[in-house]
Amino acid sequence: MKIDNQTVRALWLTSHGLTQSPTGPCDPLAIIKGLGFVQLDTIQVVSRAHHHILWSRNQNYRESMLDPLLRDQRQIFEHFTHDASILPMSFLPMWRRQFERKRREVGQSNWFGKHLDASLIKHIMERITIEGPLSTQDFIAKTTANKKMWARPPHKMVLDYLWYAGDLATTYREGFTKFYDLAERVFPEDAPRLTDRQQIHRLCDAAIFRLGFGSLGDIRNFWAACDSAEVSAWAKTRKGELIEVEIEYADKSVAQVYAAHDIYDRIQSLKTPNTRLRILNPFDPAIRDRIRLHRLFGFDYKVEMFVPEAKRKWGYYVYPMLEGHKFVGRIEVKGNRKSGVLTVTNMWFEKERLKTPKRLERIHAELTRFAKLASLDRVEFQMT
C-alpha cells in the first residue's frame, strides 16, 4: 500500500489534533490523553510550551486549567519522556519501568553520579517525609551554615535524581517552581501493577496508535521508554496487526514504515484540514522531530535559542505557521504581560507569493487569539 504525501500529511496532522476547528468545550485531560504527553518548558516568550500546545488544540484553553489536574485532581503526573513532560495518571501502570530505567541511567551518569551521596539522599527523603512537599528553595534557605555544600547543585541534583527514579513526584507548582513529595502520596495506591513485558507492549501499542504510522525507531522515540531490542520484539508479536505501507515524502521519495491496524479506516475518514492559520509552539509534538517534519512537509525548521545570536538564521524563539496541511512561514513574537502587548518583531513566508492580504488577515486574527491565551490586550507590529 502506497500513501501519497498529501494523505500522509493529513494523517499526521489528524493524529495530532491539528485538522479540526480548535473550538468548542475544552477538556485539557482529553487533549493530553490524545497526544500521549505534553512537553514542559520553562521559557515563556508568550505562553509556556505546555500551555501553547494545549491551546493549539482548543483555543478556549487557558493557563489556569492545567494546575488543578496536577494539584487537586491527580489526573496527570510529570516525568521524563524525551524531555520533561506531563502525562495522564491513567498511564502510570505502563510507566513504572521508566522510573527504573531513569534510576539506572541518571544514577550512572557522570553529571549526577558525584552528587548522589547516600547521606544526602537520606536527609532529603526524611525532610520531605516529615515536612511534606518541598522545593529546592526550602533546602537552600535552611542550610546557610553549610553554604558551600548546599548553595550549588548537590541538593538539586538529588531531588532530580529521586524524581527521575520515581521515589519523589511533582505534587504541584507555584509559578513554575516544582514542589516534590513522596511518590506514594501523589500516585494512586490502586494503580495496577504490570509486568515489564506488558508495559513494553502497552507503550508500543499506544505509540503506533498516536503516530498513525512510523518506523520502529519512531515508535521507540515516541516515549523514549523502551530500547530498540524491546521494540523489535514487540513488533514480532504484532505481525498480524501492524500493516506495512509505503509513504511518500514531500520530495517524492518513499519509505517503508509500519501503520496502525486501522490505517485504511483512518484514510477513508479523513477530512480536509481546517484552513485556519495556526501559530504552533516550537515544542509541539507534531513538529518536535525536525527530520520527520522536513521529510513530510518539506519545512526546514529548528530552534535557534541555543545558537549564538550572530549565527541565527531566523531568531531566538520563532513559531512555525501552519495553514491547512502546509507550513506557510514562521513568525517571531514576544508577549509583555505588564503592558498587555503582543509584539510581532519579524515574519517570514516560505515563498513570497504566499504573502497575500488574505493570509495577513488570517495571521492577525490568529495573533489576536494567541494574545488572549497570555491575557494580552492588543497586537503591535514592530518589524525589523
Protein backbone atom coordinates (compact mmCIF):
# COMPACT_ATOMS: atom_id res chain seq x y z
CA MET A 1 0.00 0.00 0.00
CA LYS A 2 1.39 3.38 -1.01
CA ILE A 3 0.16 6.56 0.67
CA ASP A 4 0.69 9.80 -1.22
CA ASN A 5 2.24 12.79 0.51
CA GLN A 6 -0.92 14.85 0.85
CA THR A 7 -2.68 11.95 2.54
CA VAL A 8 0.34 11.34 4.75
CA ARG A 9 0.27 14.95 5.89
CA ALA A 10 -3.46 14.77 6.60
CA LEU A 11 -3.00 11.57 8.59
CA TRP A 12 -0.18 13.08 10.61
CA LEU A 13 -2.00 16.30 11.42
CA THR A 14 -5.21 14.45 12.23
CA SER A 15 -3.43 12.15 14.68
CA HIS A 16 -2.04 15.26 16.38
CA GLY A 17 -5.36 17.05 16.65
CA LEU A 18 -4.49 19.80 14.18
CA THR A 19 -7.10 19.37 11.46
CA GLN A 20 -10.38 20.14 13.19
CA SER A 21 -11.50 23.57 14.27
CA PRO A 22 -9.88 24.36 17.67
CA THR A 23 -13.11 25.45 19.28
CA GLY A 24 -15.91 24.08 21.44
CA PRO A 25 -15.90 22.82 25.05
CA CYS A 26 -12.34 22.43 26.33
CA ASP A 27 -11.20 19.22 28.03
CA PRO A 28 -7.43 19.53 28.69
CA LEU A 29 -7.15 16.00 30.05
CA ALA A 30 -8.69 14.54 26.89
CA ILE A 31 -6.19 16.51 24.79
CA ILE A 32 -3.26 15.22 26.87
CA LYS A 33 -4.53 11.64 26.59
CA GLY A 34 -4.95 12.01 22.84
CA LEU A 35 -1.42 13.28 22.38
CA GLY A 36 0.06 10.89 24.94
CA PHE A 37 2.16 13.54 26.64
CA VAL A 38 2.77 17.27 26.52
CA GLN A 39 6.28 18.65 26.88
CA LEU A 40 7.01 21.09 29.68
CA ASP A 41 9.29 24.05 29.11
CA THR A 42 10.48 26.89 31.32
CA ILE A 43 10.77 29.51 28.58
CA GLN A 44 7.89 31.97 28.44
CA VAL A 45 8.05 34.21 25.39
CA VAL A 46 4.27 34.47 25.11
CA SER A 47 2.98 31.39 26.95
CA ARG A 48 4.98 28.36 28.06
CA ALA A 49 5.12 25.42 25.66
CA HIS A 50 2.71 23.13 27.54
CA HIS A 51 0.02 25.80 27.64
CA HIS A 52 0.54 26.73 24.00
CA ILE A 53 0.37 23.09 22.86
CA LEU A 54 -2.96 22.57 24.60
CA TRP A 55 -4.29 25.89 23.30
CA SER A 56 -3.44 24.91 19.73
CA ARG A 57 -5.94 22.04 20.02
CA ASN A 58 -8.65 24.12 21.67
CA GLN A 59 -8.39 27.87 21.82
CA ASN A 60 -10.79 28.04 24.74
CA TYR A 61 -7.96 26.63 26.86
CA ARG A 62 -6.49 28.97 29.48
CA GLU A 63 -3.34 28.60 31.55
CA SER A 64 -5.28 28.22 34.81
CA MET A 65 -6.90 24.99 33.60
CA LEU A 66 -3.81 22.78 33.94
CA ASP A 67 -2.80 23.17 37.59
CA PRO A 68 -5.98 21.61 39.11
CA LEU A 69 -5.36 18.42 37.09
CA LEU A 70 -2.00 18.04 38.86
CA ARG A 71 -2.53 19.59 42.28
CA ASP A 72 -6.10 18.67 43.19
CA GLN A 73 -7.48 16.01 40.89
CA ARG A 74 -4.28 13.97 40.42
CA GLN A 75 -5.31 13.22 36.86
CA ILE A 76 -1.86 13.96 35.42
CA PHE A 77 1.73 13.47 36.57
CA GLU A 78 5.10 14.77 35.49
CA HIS A 79 8.02 12.68 34.31
CA PHE A 80 10.59 12.31 31.55
CA THR A 81 9.79 11.10 28.04
CA HIS A 82 12.32 12.58 25.59
CA ASP A 83 12.11 15.60 27.90
CA ALA A 84 10.20 16.69 30.99
CA SER A 85 6.52 16.18 30.22
CA ILE A 86 3.04 15.83 31.65
CA LEU A 87 1.25 12.51 31.21
CA PRO A 88 -2.21 11.21 32.14
CA MET A 89 -2.22 9.46 35.52
CA SER A 90 -4.02 6.56 33.84
CA PHE A 91 -0.72 5.85 32.03
CA LEU A 92 1.14 5.23 35.30
CA PRO A 93 0.89 1.40 35.12
CA MET A 94 2.87 1.31 31.87
CA TRP A 95 5.27 4.00 33.05
CA ARG A 96 6.82 2.36 36.13
CA ARG A 97 9.57 0.78 34.06
CA GLN A 98 10.65 4.27 33.01
CA PHE A 99 11.31 5.12 36.67
CA GLU A 100 13.70 2.18 36.87
CA ARG A 101 15.31 2.96 33.52
CA LYS A 102 15.94 6.57 34.55
CA ARG A 103 17.17 5.46 38.01
CA ARG A 104 19.90 3.44 36.32
CA GLU A 105 20.63 5.93 33.54
CA VAL A 106 20.77 9.02 35.73
CA GLY A 107 22.44 7.30 38.66
CA GLN A 108 25.29 6.07 36.48
CA SER A 109 25.82 9.35 34.64
CA ASN A 110 28.93 11.41 35.33
CA TRP A 111 26.79 14.54 35.70
CA PHE A 112 24.69 13.17 38.55
CA GLY A 113 26.90 10.43 39.97
CA LYS A 114 29.30 12.55 42.02
CA HIS A 115 26.41 14.32 43.78
CA LEU A 116 24.43 11.24 44.81
CA ASP A 117 25.72 10.93 48.34
CA ALA A 118 23.74 8.37 50.36
CA SER A 119 23.56 10.60 53.43
CA LEU A 120 22.24 13.49 51.33
CA ILE A 121 19.58 11.27 49.77
CA LYS A 122 18.56 10.07 53.24
CA HIS A 123 18.41 13.63 54.57
CA ILE A 124 16.20 14.88 51.72
CA MET A 125 13.83 11.92 51.92
CA GLU A 126 13.49 12.34 55.69
CA ARG A 127 12.73 16.06 55.45
CA ILE A 128 10.05 15.57 52.80
CA THR A 129 8.57 12.64 54.73
CA ILE A 130 8.23 14.79 57.86
CA GLU A 131 7.60 18.27 56.43
CA GLY A 132 5.62 17.44 53.30
CA PRO A 133 6.13 18.96 49.82
CA LEU A 134 9.34 20.98 49.45
CA SER A 135 11.07 22.84 46.63
CA THR A 136 14.76 23.42 46.03
CA GLN A 137 14.44 26.79 47.74
CA ASP A 138 13.46 25.14 51.01
CA PHE A 139 16.80 23.39 51.17
CA ILE A 140 18.84 26.48 50.29
CA ALA A 141 17.09 28.64 52.89
CA LYS A 142 17.62 26.23 55.76
CA THR A 143 21.29 25.36 55.17
CA THR A 144 23.03 28.73 55.26
CA ALA A 145 25.54 27.37 57.73
CA ASN A 146 26.77 24.95 55.13
CA LYS A 147 26.51 27.30 52.17
CA LYS A 148 29.40 25.84 50.20
CA MET A 149 27.79 22.40 50.10
CA TRP A 150 24.16 23.36 49.58
CA ALA A 151 24.15 26.54 47.54
CA ARG A 152 25.21 24.71 44.41
CA PRO A 153 23.76 21.68 42.69
CA PRO A 154 24.03 18.77 45.21
CA HIS A 155 20.55 19.06 46.73
CA LYS A 156 19.01 19.93 43.39
CA MET A 157 20.77 17.00 41.73
CA VAL A 158 19.49 14.61 44.40
CA LEU A 159 15.95 15.95 44.14
CA ASP A 160 16.02 15.49 40.38
CA TYR A 161 17.51 12.00 40.69
CA LEU A 162 14.80 10.92 43.14
CA TRP A 163 12.19 12.42 40.79
CA TYR A 164 13.62 10.54 37.80
CA ALA A 165 13.68 7.34 39.85
CA GLY A 166 10.05 7.71 40.89
CA ASP A 167 10.78 7.99 44.62
CA LEU A 168 9.59 11.60 44.55
CA ALA A 169 6.91 13.13 42.35
CA THR A 170 5.79 16.62 41.44
CA THR A 171 2.83 17.35 43.68
CA TYR A 172 2.19 20.92 42.47
CA ARG A 173 3.92 24.01 41.12
CA GLU A 174 3.98 27.61 42.27
CA GLY A 175 4.56 29.59 39.10
CA PHE A 176 7.00 27.18 37.52
CA THR A 177 8.70 26.16 40.78
CA LYS A 178 8.32 22.43 41.34
CA PHE A 179 7.33 21.04 44.75
CA TYR A 180 8.40 17.47 45.44
CA ASP A 181 6.57 14.95 47.61
CA LEU A 182 6.86 11.23 48.23
CA ALA A 183 5.57 9.39 45.18
CA GLU A 184 3.35 7.24 47.38
CA ARG A 185 1.49 10.38 48.44
CA VAL A 186 0.99 11.53 44.84
CA PHE A 187 0.38 8.36 42.84
CA PRO A 188 -2.84 6.34 43.42
CA GLU A 189 -2.43 3.29 45.63
CA ASP A 190 -4.73 1.16 43.50
CA ALA A 191 -2.89 1.65 40.19
CA PRO A 192 -2.48 -1.78 38.53
CA ARG A 193 0.95 -3.42 38.51
CA LEU A 194 2.02 -4.73 35.11
CA THR A 195 4.89 -6.97 34.17
CA ASP A 196 7.77 -5.39 32.29
CA ARG A 197 6.69 -7.13 29.09
CA GLN A 198 3.12 -5.87 29.50
CA GLN A 199 4.40 -2.34 29.95
CA ILE A 200 6.52 -2.54 26.79
CA HIS A 201 3.56 -3.79 24.78
CA ARG A 202 1.26 -1.08 26.10
CA LEU A 203 3.84 1.61 25.39
CA CYS A 204 4.42 0.44 21.82
CA ASP A 205 0.73 -0.07 21.12
CA ALA A 206 -0.01 3.40 22.43
CA ALA A 207 2.81 4.90 20.36
CA ILE A 208 1.76 3.49 16.98
CA PHE A 209 -1.86 4.38 17.73
CA ARG A 210 -0.89 8.03 18.24
CA LEU A 211 1.65 8.18 15.44
CA GLY A 212 -0.62 6.51 12.91
CA PHE A 213 2.47 5.34 11.04
CA GLY A 214 6.18 5.19 11.64
CA SER A 215 9.35 3.15 11.72
CA LEU A 216 10.38 1.05 14.70
CA GLY A 217 12.69 3.94 15.57
CA ASP A 218 9.75 6.35 15.53
CA ILE A 219 7.83 4.03 17.84
CA ARG A 220 10.80 3.77 20.21
CA ASN A 221 11.38 7.52 20.21
CA PHE A 222 7.76 8.39 20.88
CA TRP A 223 8.02 7.70 24.62
CA ALA A 224 11.78 7.12 24.88
CA ALA A 225 10.88 4.45 27.44
CA CYS A 226 11.95 1.29 25.57
CA ASP A 227 15.12 0.28 23.76
CA SER A 228 15.43 -0.90 20.16
CA ALA A 229 15.53 -4.60 21.02
CA GLU A 230 12.38 -4.31 23.10
CA VAL A 231 10.51 -2.56 20.30
CA SER A 232 11.68 -5.12 17.74
CA ALA A 233 10.49 -7.96 19.98
CA TRP A 234 7.12 -6.24 20.37
CA ALA A 235 6.77 -5.84 16.59
CA LYS A 236 7.17 -9.59 16.12
CA THR A 237 4.17 -10.16 18.36
CA ARG A 238 2.10 -7.74 16.27
CA LYS A 239 2.72 -9.21 12.82
CA GLY A 240 -0.96 -9.67 12.13
CA GLU A 241 -1.85 -6.18 13.30
CA LEU A 242 0.88 -3.86 12.04
CA ILE A 243 0.46 -3.02 8.37
CA GLU A 244 3.47 -2.37 6.18
CA VAL A 245 2.95 0.68 3.99
CA GLU A 246 4.97 2.89 1.70
CA ILE A 247 4.69 6.60 2.42
CA GLU A 248 5.62 9.40 0.08
CA TYR A 249 7.72 12.27 1.40
CA ALA A 250 7.48 15.88 0.29
CA ASP A 251 10.41 15.41 -2.11
CA LYS A 252 8.63 12.44 -3.75
CA SER A 253 10.98 9.88 -2.20
CA VAL A 254 9.36 6.97 -0.39
CA ALA A 255 9.91 5.00 2.80
CA GLN A 256 8.68 1.68 4.15
CA VAL A 257 7.06 2.05 7.58
CA TYR A 258 4.50 0.38 9.79
CA ALA A 259 0.97 1.70 10.13
CA ALA A 260 -1.69 1.21 12.77
CA HIS A 261 -4.07 -1.68 12.15
CA ASP A 262 -6.92 0.71 11.29
CA ILE A 263 -4.97 2.74 8.74
CA TYR A 264 -7.49 2.01 5.97
CA ASP A 265 -10.35 3.32 8.08
CA ARG A 266 -8.30 6.37 9.04
CA ILE A 267 -7.69 7.20 5.40
CA GLN A 268 -11.34 6.70 4.49
CA SER A 269 -12.49 9.01 7.30
CA LEU A 270 -10.00 11.81 6.60
CA LYS A 271 -11.45 15.25 6.25
CA THR A 272 -9.87 18.23 4.56
CA PRO A 273 -7.73 20.00 7.21
CA ASN A 274 -9.28 23.16 8.60
CA THR A 275 -7.79 26.15 6.78
CA ARG A 276 -7.45 28.28 9.91
CA LEU A 277 -3.90 29.56 10.16
CA ARG A 278 -2.25 28.27 13.33
CA ILE A 279 0.83 29.51 15.15
CA LEU A 280 2.44 26.40 16.66
CA ASN A 281 4.86 26.13 19.53
CA PRO A 282 8.43 25.04 18.70
CA PHE A 283 7.97 22.05 21.05
CA ASP A 284 4.63 20.95 19.65
CA PRO A 285 4.62 17.13 19.28
CA ALA A 286 3.59 17.42 15.63
CA ILE A 287 6.88 19.16 14.78
CA ARG A 288 9.24 18.02 17.55
CA ASP A 289 11.11 15.65 15.25
CA ARG A 290 12.66 18.16 12.82
CA ILE A 291 13.86 15.46 10.41
CA ARG A 292 10.39 13.95 10.11
CA LEU A 293 8.91 17.43 9.78
CA HIS A 294 11.17 18.18 6.84
CA ARG A 295 10.51 14.84 5.18
CA LEU A 296 6.73 15.02 5.50
CA PHE A 297 6.19 18.74 4.86
CA GLY A 298 9.38 19.98 3.22
CA PHE A 299 9.63 22.51 6.06
CA ASP A 300 13.16 23.18 7.28
CA TYR A 301 12.89 24.29 10.88
CA LYS A 302 15.00 24.31 14.01
CA VAL A 303 15.01 26.09 17.34
CA GLU A 304 17.79 28.68 17.48
CA MET A 305 17.56 29.75 21.13
CA PHE A 306 20.84 27.96 21.85
CA VAL A 307 22.53 29.26 18.70
CA PRO A 308 24.74 32.35 19.17
CA GLU A 309 22.80 35.41 18.07
CA ALA A 310 25.24 36.25 15.27
CA LYS A 311 24.76 32.79 13.76
CA ARG A 312 20.96 32.65 13.87
CA LYS A 313 19.17 32.48 10.54
CA TRP A 314 15.79 33.39 11.96
CA GLY A 315 15.64 34.35 15.64
CA TYR A 316 15.69 33.31 19.30
CA TYR A 317 12.16 31.90 19.52
CA VAL A 318 10.40 31.60 16.19
CA TYR A 319 6.98 30.00 15.74
CA PRO A 320 6.00 27.95 12.66
CA MET A 321 2.78 28.94 10.88
CA LEU A 322 0.57 26.08 9.70
CA GLU A 323 -2.30 26.59 7.29
CA GLY A 324 -4.30 23.55 6.29
CA HIS A 325 -1.69 20.86 5.61
CA LYS A 326 1.13 23.25 4.69
CA PHE A 327 3.64 25.26 6.68
CA VAL A 328 3.48 28.67 5.07
CA GLY A 329 6.01 30.56 7.15
CA ARG A 330 7.35 31.46 10.56
CA ILE A 331 6.89 34.38 12.90
CA GLU A 332 8.74 35.95 15.82
CA VAL A 333 6.52 37.42 18.55
CA LYS A 334 7.01 38.46 22.15
CA GLY A 335 4.46 38.95 24.90
CA ASN A 336 4.75 41.60 27.59
CA ARG A 337 2.30 40.80 30.38
CA LYS A 338 2.91 44.08 32.18
CA SER A 339 1.97 46.23 29.20
CA GLY A 340 -0.56 43.73 27.83
CA VAL A 341 1.03 43.81 24.35
CA LEU A 342 1.86 41.01 21.93
CA THR A 343 4.61 42.36 19.69
CA VAL A 344 5.44 40.97 16.26
CA THR A 345 9.13 41.55 15.58
CA ASN A 346 9.59 39.55 12.40
CA MET A 347 7.77 37.35 9.92
CA TRP A 348 8.94 35.18 7.04
CA PHE A 349 6.99 33.33 4.35
CA GLU A 350 8.23 30.14 2.75
CA LYS A 351 7.57 31.70 -0.64
CA GLU A 352 6.95 35.34 -1.44
CA ARG A 353 3.73 34.51 -3.29
CA LEU A 354 2.25 33.29 0.00
CA LYS A 355 2.31 36.82 1.36
CA THR A 356 -1.21 37.85 0.39
CA PRO A 357 -3.62 40.32 2.02
CA LYS A 358 -5.99 37.49 2.90
CA ARG A 359 -3.27 35.46 4.59
CA LEU A 360 -2.05 38.51 6.50
CA GLU A 361 -5.60 38.92 7.80
CA ARG A 362 -5.58 35.30 8.95
CA ILE A 363 -2.27 35.83 10.71
CA HIS A 364 -3.55 38.90 12.51
CA ALA A 365 -6.68 37.02 13.58
CA GLU A 366 -4.57 34.19 14.98
CA LEU A 367 -2.28 36.63 16.77
CA THR A 368 -5.31 38.22 18.41
CA ARG A 369 -6.47 34.81 19.61
CA PHE A 370 -2.94 33.89 20.74
CA ALA A 371 -2.72 37.11 22.76
CA LYS A 372 -5.80 36.08 24.76
CA LEU A 373 -4.02 32.94 25.98
CA ALA A 374 -1.49 35.15 27.77
CA SER A 375 -4.15 37.71 28.80
CA LEU A 376 -2.68 40.31 26.44
CA ASP A 377 -4.91 43.11 25.19
CA ARG A 378 -3.53 44.07 21.80
CA VAL A 379 -1.17 43.17 18.97
CA GLU A 380 1.51 45.54 17.70
CA PHE A 381 3.82 45.14 14.72
CA GLN A 382 7.41 46.32 15.20
CA MET A 383 9.01 44.63 12.24
CA THR A 384 12.76 44.95 11.84
